C-alpha atoms as a PDB file:
ATOM      1  CA  MET A   1      -0.040  -0.117  -0.226  1.00  0.00           C
ATOM      2  CA  LYS A   2       2.966   2.589   0.798  1.00  0.00           C
ATOM      3  CA  LYS A   3       4.515   1.501  -2.243  1.00  0.00           C
ATOM      4  CA  LEU A   4       1.672   2.393  -4.576  1.00  0.00           C
ATOM      5  CA  LEU A   5       0.918   5.869  -2.581  1.00  0.00           C
ATOM      6  CA  CYS A   6       4.445   6.647  -3.219  1.00  0.00           C
ATOM      7  CA  ILE A   7       4.006   6.068  -6.716  1.00  0.00           C
ATOM      8  CA  LEU A   8       0.946   8.004  -6.953  1.00  0.00           C
ATOM      9  CA  ILE A   9       2.622  10.960  -5.452  1.00  0.00           C
ATOM     10  CA  GLY A  10       5.519  10.800  -7.776  1.00  0.00           C
ATOM     11  CA  ILE A  11       2.920  10.605 -10.665  1.00  0.00           C
ATOM     12  CA  VAL A  12       1.431  13.703  -9.367  1.00  0.00           C
ATOM     13  CA  LEU A  13       4.707  15.675  -8.701  1.00  0.00           C
ATOM     14  CA  ALA A  14       5.950  15.125 -12.146  1.00  0.00           C
ATOM     15  CA  SER A  15       2.738  16.285 -13.800  1.00  0.00           C
ATOM     16  CA  CYS A  16       3.239  19.294 -11.586  1.00  0.00           C
ATOM     17  CA  SER A  17       6.418  19.790 -12.697  1.00  0.00           C
ATOM     18  CA  GLY A  18       5.783  19.309 -16.329  1.00  0.00           C
ATOM     19  CA  THR A  19       2.721  21.776 -16.244  1.00  0.00           C
ATOM     20  CA  LYS A  20       4.957  24.268 -14.642  1.00  0.00           C
ATOM     21  CA  SER A  21       7.802  23.605 -17.524  1.00  0.00           C
ATOM     22  CA  GLU A  22       4.939  24.176 -20.378  1.00  0.00           C
ATOM     23  CA  SER A  23       3.698  27.186 -18.358  1.00  0.00           C
ATOM     24  CA  ARG A  24       7.696  28.914 -18.263  1.00  0.00           C
ATOM     25  CA  ILE A  25       7.558  27.823 -22.379  1.00  0.00           C
ATOM     26  CA  LYS A  26       4.478  29.238 -22.788  1.00  0.00           C
ATOM     27  CA  LYS A  27       5.191  32.568 -20.934  1.00  0.00           C
ATOM     28  CA  ARG A  28       8.596  32.937 -23.014  1.00  0.00           C
ATOM     29  CA  PRO A  29       8.290  36.219 -25.041  1.00  0.00           C
ATOM     30  CA  LYS A  30       8.150  36.656 -29.035  1.00  0.00           C
ATOM     31  CA  LEU A  31      10.300  39.152 -30.605  1.00  0.00           C
ATOM     32  CA  PRO A  32       8.744  42.520 -31.519  1.00  0.00           C
ATOM     33  CA  PRO A  33       7.259  43.226 -34.591  1.00  0.00           C
ATOM     34  CA  ILE A  34      10.403  43.799 -37.449  1.00  0.00           C
ATOM     35  CA  VAL A  35      11.013  47.332 -37.719  1.00  0.00           C
ATOM     36  CA  SER A  36      11.644  48.713 -41.176  1.00  0.00           C
ATOM     37  CA  CYS A  37      14.842  50.899 -41.260  1.00  0.00           C
ATOM     38  CA  ALA A  38      15.376  54.080 -42.752  1.00  0.00           C
ATOM     39  CA  GLU A  39      16.209  53.561 -46.830  1.00  0.00           C
ATOM     40  CA  ASP A  40      19.173  56.355 -45.877  1.00  0.00           C
ATOM     41  CA  ALA A  41      20.187  54.310 -42.691  1.00  0.00           C
ATOM     42  CA  LYS A  42      23.807  54.687 -41.819  1.00  0.00           C
ATOM     43  CA  ILE A  43      26.170  51.870 -41.599  1.00  0.00           C
ATOM     44  CA  PHE A  44      28.998  53.001 -39.184  1.00  0.00           C
ATOM     45  CA  ASP A  45      32.646  52.067 -40.043  1.00  0.00           C
ATOM     46  CA  GLN A  46      34.769  53.122 -37.563  1.00  0.00           C
ATOM     47  CA  ASP A  47      38.592  52.025 -36.781  1.00  0.00           C
ATOM     48  CA  VAL A  48      38.297  49.195 -33.686  1.00  0.00           C
ATOM     49  CA  LYS A  49      40.743  47.547 -31.726  1.00  0.00           C
ATOM     50  CA  TYR A  50      41.830  44.361 -33.119  1.00  0.00           C
ATOM     51  CA  GLU A  51      40.871  45.325 -36.742  1.00  0.00           C
ATOM     52  CA  THR A  52      43.706  43.760 -39.077  1.00  0.00           C
ATOM     53  CA  ASN A  53      44.502  42.608 -42.774  1.00  0.00           C
ATOM     54  CA  LYS A  54      47.054  40.137 -43.185  1.00  0.00           C
ATOM     55  CA  LEU A  55      45.517  39.126 -46.738  1.00  0.00           C
ATOM     56  CA  ASN A  56      47.709  38.927 -49.938  1.00  0.00           C
ATOM     57  CA  THR A  57      45.023  37.070 -51.965  1.00  0.00           C
ATOM     58  CA  ILE A  58      41.554  35.775 -51.789  1.00  0.00           C
ATOM     59  CA  GLU A  59      41.865  33.437 -54.298  1.00  0.00           C
ATOM     60  CA  HIS A  60      40.178  30.098 -53.914  1.00  0.00           C
ATOM     61  CA  LEU A  61      38.196  31.711 -50.724  1.00  0.00           C
ATOM     62  CA  SER A  62      35.703  29.277 -49.312  1.00  0.00           C
ATOM     63  CA  TYR A  63      32.871  30.560 -47.221  1.00  0.00           C
ATOM     64  CA  SER A  64      31.058  28.991 -44.039  1.00  0.00           C
ATOM     65  CA  THR A  65      28.099  31.300 -42.900  1.00  0.00           C
ATOM     66  CA  THR A  66      26.993  34.322 -41.739  1.00  0.00           C
ATOM     67  CA  TYR A  67      25.840  33.282 -37.630  1.00  0.00           C
ATOM     68  CA  VAL A  68      23.071  35.692 -36.562  1.00  0.00           C
ATOM     69  CA  ARG A  69      22.789  36.024 -32.236  1.00  0.00           C
ATOM     70  CA  LEU A  70      19.698  38.068 -31.545  1.00  0.00           C
ATOM     71  CA  TYR A  71      20.393  39.039 -27.738  1.00  0.00           C
ATOM     72  CA  ASN A  72      17.511  39.631 -25.844  1.00  0.00           C
ATOM     73  CA  GLN A  73      15.597  36.843 -23.684  1.00  0.00           C
ATOM     74  CA  THR A  74      12.624  35.373 -26.296  1.00  0.00           C
ATOM     75  CA  ASP A  75      11.878  32.281 -27.798  1.00  0.00           C
ATOM     76  CA  SER A  76      15.011  30.496 -28.765  1.00  0.00           C
ATOM     77  CA  LEU A  77      13.146  28.624 -31.523  1.00  0.00           C
ATOM     78  CA  GLU A  78      11.896  31.970 -33.062  1.00  0.00           C
ATOM     79  CA  LYS A  79      15.726  33.163 -32.894  1.00  0.00           C
ATOM     80  CA  ASN A  80      16.811  29.620 -34.699  1.00  0.00           C
ATOM     81  CA  GLU A  81      14.477  29.998 -37.472  1.00  0.00           C
ATOM     82  CA  ILE A  82      15.713  33.730 -38.301  1.00  0.00           C
ATOM     83  CA  ARG A  83      19.035  32.868 -38.328  1.00  0.00           C
ATOM     84  CA  TYR A  84      18.848  29.865 -40.770  1.00  0.00           C
ATOM     85  CA  LYS A  85      17.025  32.351 -43.021  1.00  0.00           C
ATOM     86  CA  LEU A  86      19.661  35.124 -42.636  1.00  0.00           C
ATOM     87  CA  ALA A  87      22.083  32.251 -43.369  1.00  0.00           C
ATOM     88  CA  LYS A  88      20.703  31.455 -46.399  1.00  0.00           C
ATOM     89  CA  THR A  89      20.139  35.096 -47.336  1.00  0.00           C
ATOM     90  CA  SER A  90      24.125  35.946 -46.773  1.00  0.00           C
ATOM     91  CA  GLU A  91      25.149  32.827 -48.991  1.00  0.00           C
ATOM     92  CA  ARG A  92      23.176  35.168 -51.796  1.00  0.00           C
ATOM     93  CA  VAL A  93      25.269  37.831 -50.960  1.00  0.00           C
ATOM     94  CA  ALA A  94      28.477  35.812 -50.982  1.00  0.00           C
ATOM     95  CA  LEU A  95      27.780  34.695 -54.384  1.00  0.00           C
ATOM     96  CA  LYS A  96      27.302  38.144 -55.686  1.00  0.00           C
ATOM     97  CA  VAL A  97      30.323  39.689 -54.441  1.00  0.00           C
ATOM     98  CA  PHE A  98      32.608  36.625 -54.928  1.00  0.00           C
ATOM     99  CA  PRO A  99      31.196  34.790 -57.882  1.00  0.00           C
ATOM    100  CA  THR A 100      33.719  31.820 -57.390  1.00  0.00           C
ATOM    101  CA  ILE A 101      33.471  31.773 -53.978  1.00  0.00           C
ATOM    102  CA  LYS A 102      33.041  28.073 -52.699  1.00  0.00           C
ATOM    103  CA  LEU A 103      30.213  27.217 -50.266  1.00  0.00           C
ATOM    104  CA  THR A 104      30.669  24.518 -47.293  1.00  0.00           C
ATOM    105  CA  ASP A 105      27.997  22.999 -45.240  1.00  0.00           C
ATOM    106  CA  ALA A 106      26.892  25.251 -42.489  1.00  0.00           C
ATOM    107  CA  SER A 107      24.672  22.918 -40.696  1.00  0.00           C
ATOM    108  CA  ARG A 108      27.001  22.140 -37.766  1.00  0.00           C
ATOM    109  CA  LEU A 109      28.227  25.808 -37.304  1.00  0.00           C
ATOM    110  CA  LEU A 110      24.912  26.951 -37.400  1.00  0.00           C
ATOM    111  CA  ALA A 111      23.644  24.778 -34.947  1.00  0.00           C
ATOM    112  CA  GLU A 112      26.217  25.771 -32.436  1.00  0.00           C
ATOM    113  CA  ASN A 113      25.102  27.541 -29.095  1.00  0.00           C
ATOM    114  CA  TYR A 114      25.506  31.102 -28.721  1.00  0.00           C
ATOM    115  CA  LYS A 115      27.939  30.802 -25.711  1.00  0.00           C
ATOM    116  CA  THR A 116      30.714  29.023 -28.282  1.00  0.00           C
ATOM    117  CA  ILE A 117      30.215  31.140 -31.087  1.00  0.00           C
ATOM    118  CA  LEU A 118      30.654  34.275 -28.593  1.00  0.00           C
ATOM    119  CA  PHE A 119      34.077  32.908 -26.717  1.00  0.00           C
ATOM    120  CA  SER A 120      35.313  31.774 -30.085  1.00  0.00           C
ATOM    121  CA  THR A 121      34.847  34.818 -31.866  1.00  0.00           C
ATOM    122  CA  ASN A 122      36.333  36.722 -28.860  1.00  0.00           C
ATOM    123  CA  ARG A 123      39.254  35.045 -28.699  1.00  0.00           C
ATOM    124  CA  VAL A 124      39.884  34.421 -32.243  1.00  0.00           C
ATOM    125  CA  ARG A 125      39.931  38.364 -33.115  1.00  0.00           C
ATOM    126  CA  LYS A 126      42.330  38.702 -30.391  1.00  0.00           C
ATOM    127  CA  ASN A 127      44.469  36.075 -32.476  1.00  0.00           C
ATOM    128  CA  VAL A 128      44.742  33.595 -28.928  1.00  0.00           C
ATOM    129  CA  SER A 129      46.621  31.183 -29.918  1.00  0.00           C
ATOM    130  CA  ASP A 130      44.666  28.206 -29.093  1.00  0.00           C
ATOM    131  CA  SER A 131      43.338  26.366 -32.092  1.00  0.00           C
ATOM    132  CA  LYS A 132      39.956  25.263 -30.480  1.00  0.00           C
ATOM    133  CA  TYR A 133      38.601  28.821 -30.934  1.00  0.00           C
ATOM    134  CA  PHE A 134      39.498  28.837 -34.566  1.00  0.00           C
ATOM    135  CA  GLU A 135      38.565  25.255 -35.079  1.00  0.00           C
ATOM    136  CA  ASN A 136      34.894  25.978 -33.529  1.00  0.00           C
ATOM    137  CA  LEU A 137      34.222  28.286 -36.176  1.00  0.00           C
ATOM    138  CA  ILE A 138      36.015  26.903 -38.674  1.00  0.00           C
ATOM    139  CA  ILE A 139      34.425  24.419 -41.731  1.00  0.00           C
ATOM    140  CA  PRO A 140      36.928  21.996 -43.358  1.00  0.00           C
ATOM    141  CA  ASN A 141      37.727  22.277 -47.050  1.00  0.00           C
ATOM    142  CA  ASP A 142      40.060  20.879 -49.343  1.00  0.00           C
ATOM    143  CA  GLN A 143      39.791  23.008 -51.795  1.00  0.00           C
ATOM    144  CA  SER A 144      40.800  26.204 -49.794  1.00  0.00           C
ATOM    145  CA  ASN A 145      42.971  27.228 -46.727  1.00  0.00           C
ATOM    146  CA  LEU A 146      41.395  30.593 -46.797  1.00  0.00           C
ATOM    147  CA  GLN A 147      37.859  31.183 -45.116  1.00  0.00           C
ATOM    148  CA  LEU A 148      35.433  34.042 -44.679  1.00  0.00           C
ATOM    149  CA  PHE A 149      33.187  33.652 -41.598  1.00  0.00           C
ATOM    150  CA  VAL A 150      30.434  36.491 -40.604  1.00  0.00           C
ATOM    151  CA  TYR A 151      29.215  36.822 -37.032  1.00  0.00           C
ATOM    152  CA  VAL A 152      26.492  39.280 -36.356  1.00  0.00           C
ATOM    153  CA  VAL A 153      25.053  40.456 -33.219  1.00  0.00           C
ATOM    154  CA  SER A 154      21.668  42.457 -32.158  1.00  0.00           C
ATOM    155  CA  GLY A 155      20.328  43.477 -29.455  1.00  0.00           C
ATOM    156  CA  ILE A 156      17.549  46.143 -28.279  1.00  0.00           C
ATOM    157  CA  ARG A 157      18.000  48.776 -25.755  1.00  0.00           C
ATOM    158  CA  ASP A 158      15.472  51.743 -24.738  1.00  0.00           C
ATOM    159  CA  LYS A 159      13.614  50.521 -28.215  1.00  0.00           C
ATOM    160  CA  GLN A 160      16.749  50.989 -30.480  1.00  0.00           C
ATOM    161  CA  PHE A 161      18.159  48.355 -32.411  1.00  0.00           C
ATOM    162  CA  THR A 162      21.952  47.826 -32.477  1.00  0.00           C
ATOM    163  CA  THR A 163      23.136  45.313 -35.167  1.00  0.00           C
ATOM    164  CA  SER A 164      27.276  44.569 -35.173  1.00  0.00           C
ATOM    165  CA  PHE A 165      28.594  42.739 -38.065  1.00  0.00           C
ATOM    166  CA  HIS A 166      31.970  40.755 -37.538  1.00  0.00           C
ATOM    167  CA  PHE A 167      33.906  39.997 -40.735  1.00  0.00           C
ATOM    168  CA  PHE A 168      36.519  36.886 -39.979  1.00  0.00           C
ATOM    169  CA  VAL A 169      39.175  35.666 -42.778  1.00  0.00           C
ATOM    170  CA  LEU A 170      40.822  32.593 -41.151  1.00  0.00           C
ATOM    171  CA  ASN A 171      43.675  30.503 -42.475  1.00  0.00           C
ATOM    172  CA  THR A 172      41.979  26.836 -41.823  1.00  0.00           C
ATOM    173  CA  THR A 173      45.804  25.452 -42.071  1.00  0.00           C
ATOM    174  CA  TYR A 174      47.320  27.463 -39.649  1.00  0.00           C
ATOM    175  CA  ASN A 175      44.294  28.329 -37.698  1.00  0.00           C
ATOM    176  CA  SER A 176      45.243  32.148 -37.599  1.00  0.00           C
ATOM    177  CA  LEU A 177      43.508  35.256 -38.519  1.00  0.00           C
ATOM    178  CA  LEU A 178      44.366  36.929 -41.672  1.00  0.00           C
ATOM    179  CA  TYR A 179      41.444  39.592 -41.689  1.00  0.00           C
ATOM    180  CA  TYR A 180      39.239  40.914 -38.998  1.00  0.00           C
ATOM    181  CA  ASP A 181      36.370  44.076 -39.639  1.00  0.00           C
ATOM    182  CA  TYR A 182      33.592  45.349 -37.779  1.00  0.00           C
ATOM    183  CA  VAL A 183      30.876  47.646 -38.856  1.00  0.00           C
ATOM    184  CA  LYS A 184      27.506  48.289 -37.050  1.00  0.00           C
ATOM    185  CA  THR A 185      23.719  49.753 -37.918  1.00  0.00           C
ATOM    186  CA  GLU A 186      21.158  50.593 -35.719  1.00  0.00           C
ATOM    187  CA  CYS A 187      18.723  48.528 -37.500  1.00  0.00           C
ATOM    188  CA  ASP A 188      16.652  45.560 -36.996  1.00  0.00           C
ATOM    189  CA  PRO A 189      18.544  42.256 -38.682  1.00  0.00           C
ATOM    190  CA  ARG A 190      15.035  41.155 -39.999  1.00  0.00           C
ATOM    191  CA  ASP A 191      14.922  43.960 -42.192  1.00  0.00           C
ATOM    192  CA  GLU A 192      16.629  41.878 -44.700  1.00  0.00           C
ATOM    193  CA  THR A 193      17.039  44.663 -47.367  1.00  0.00           C
ATOM    194  CA  MET A 194      19.289  46.580 -44.642  1.00  0.00           C
ATOM    195  CA  PHE A 195      21.269  43.121 -43.714  1.00  0.00           C
ATOM    196  CA  MET A 196      22.125  42.520 -47.261  1.00  0.00           C
ATOM    197  CA  LYS A 197      23.209  46.105 -47.763  1.00  0.00           C
ATOM    198  CA  THR A 198      25.262  46.048 -44.884  1.00  0.00           C
ATOM    199  CA  LEU A 199      26.766  42.659 -45.867  1.00  0.00           C
ATOM    200  CA  TYR A 200      27.321  43.767 -49.333  1.00  0.00           C
ATOM    201  CA  TYR A 201      29.022  46.608 -47.974  1.00  0.00           C
ATOM    202  CA  GLY A 202      31.250  44.766 -45.540  1.00  0.00           C
ATOM    203  CA  MET A 203      32.134  42.020 -48.359  1.00  0.00           C
ATOM    204  CA  ASN A 204      33.062  44.555 -50.992  1.00  0.00           C
ATOM    205  CA  LYS A 205      35.477  46.201 -48.450  1.00  0.00           C
ATOM    206  CA  LEU A 206      37.212  42.882 -47.772  1.00  0.00           C
ATOM    207  CA  LYS A 207      37.361  42.225 -51.702  1.00  0.00           C
ATOM    208  CA  ASN A 208      38.611  45.617 -52.243  1.00  0.00           C
ATOM    209  CA  SER A 209      41.050  45.500 -49.694  1.00  0.00           C
ATOM    210  CA  VAL A 210      43.377  42.744 -51.164  1.00  0.00           C
ATOM    211  CA  LYS A 211      45.358  44.612 -53.795  1.00  0.00           C
END
């Protein structure tokens, strides 16, 4: 009888716990509606610490992906959907700017958690020698030892978006940083027109930086 009573209590507690978990999931806030950016919205491009350019060629350049991080406490599934959608959009931009660029299977990198990408990009732009940070951002490609990776992070403060674009070119053989550039906008990254415009700006800047 005692055993049966314990089992019943366990079932009730598990049920309550499940209900609370479901309630927490339901209460996760959604992202606010998309805010369209003005046609004359600026791209802010100022020299910042760690910017570097050691490139002497971009021939045989490969492209991993553009990883978008939405920095706010909202529904993770919604943010994941946006990240994958914008990654596809960024492929079109990369192919437009670099018609011969080699695309990679970005699925592993896009599925990586925010913390890994954040820590790795911070270490890589500082050229920390530990290869694991580079490997977290690289998708191996036999046809090229140069790889472009873009990290975008966006958040809202005082109802104003700030979206930062970090452009990396990595040497995949020696796990080293050859190029890093940073630009930002005050626009919602879900505004694909401005998102693409900023990618075009950053990728063309990279392309034109090699003499």
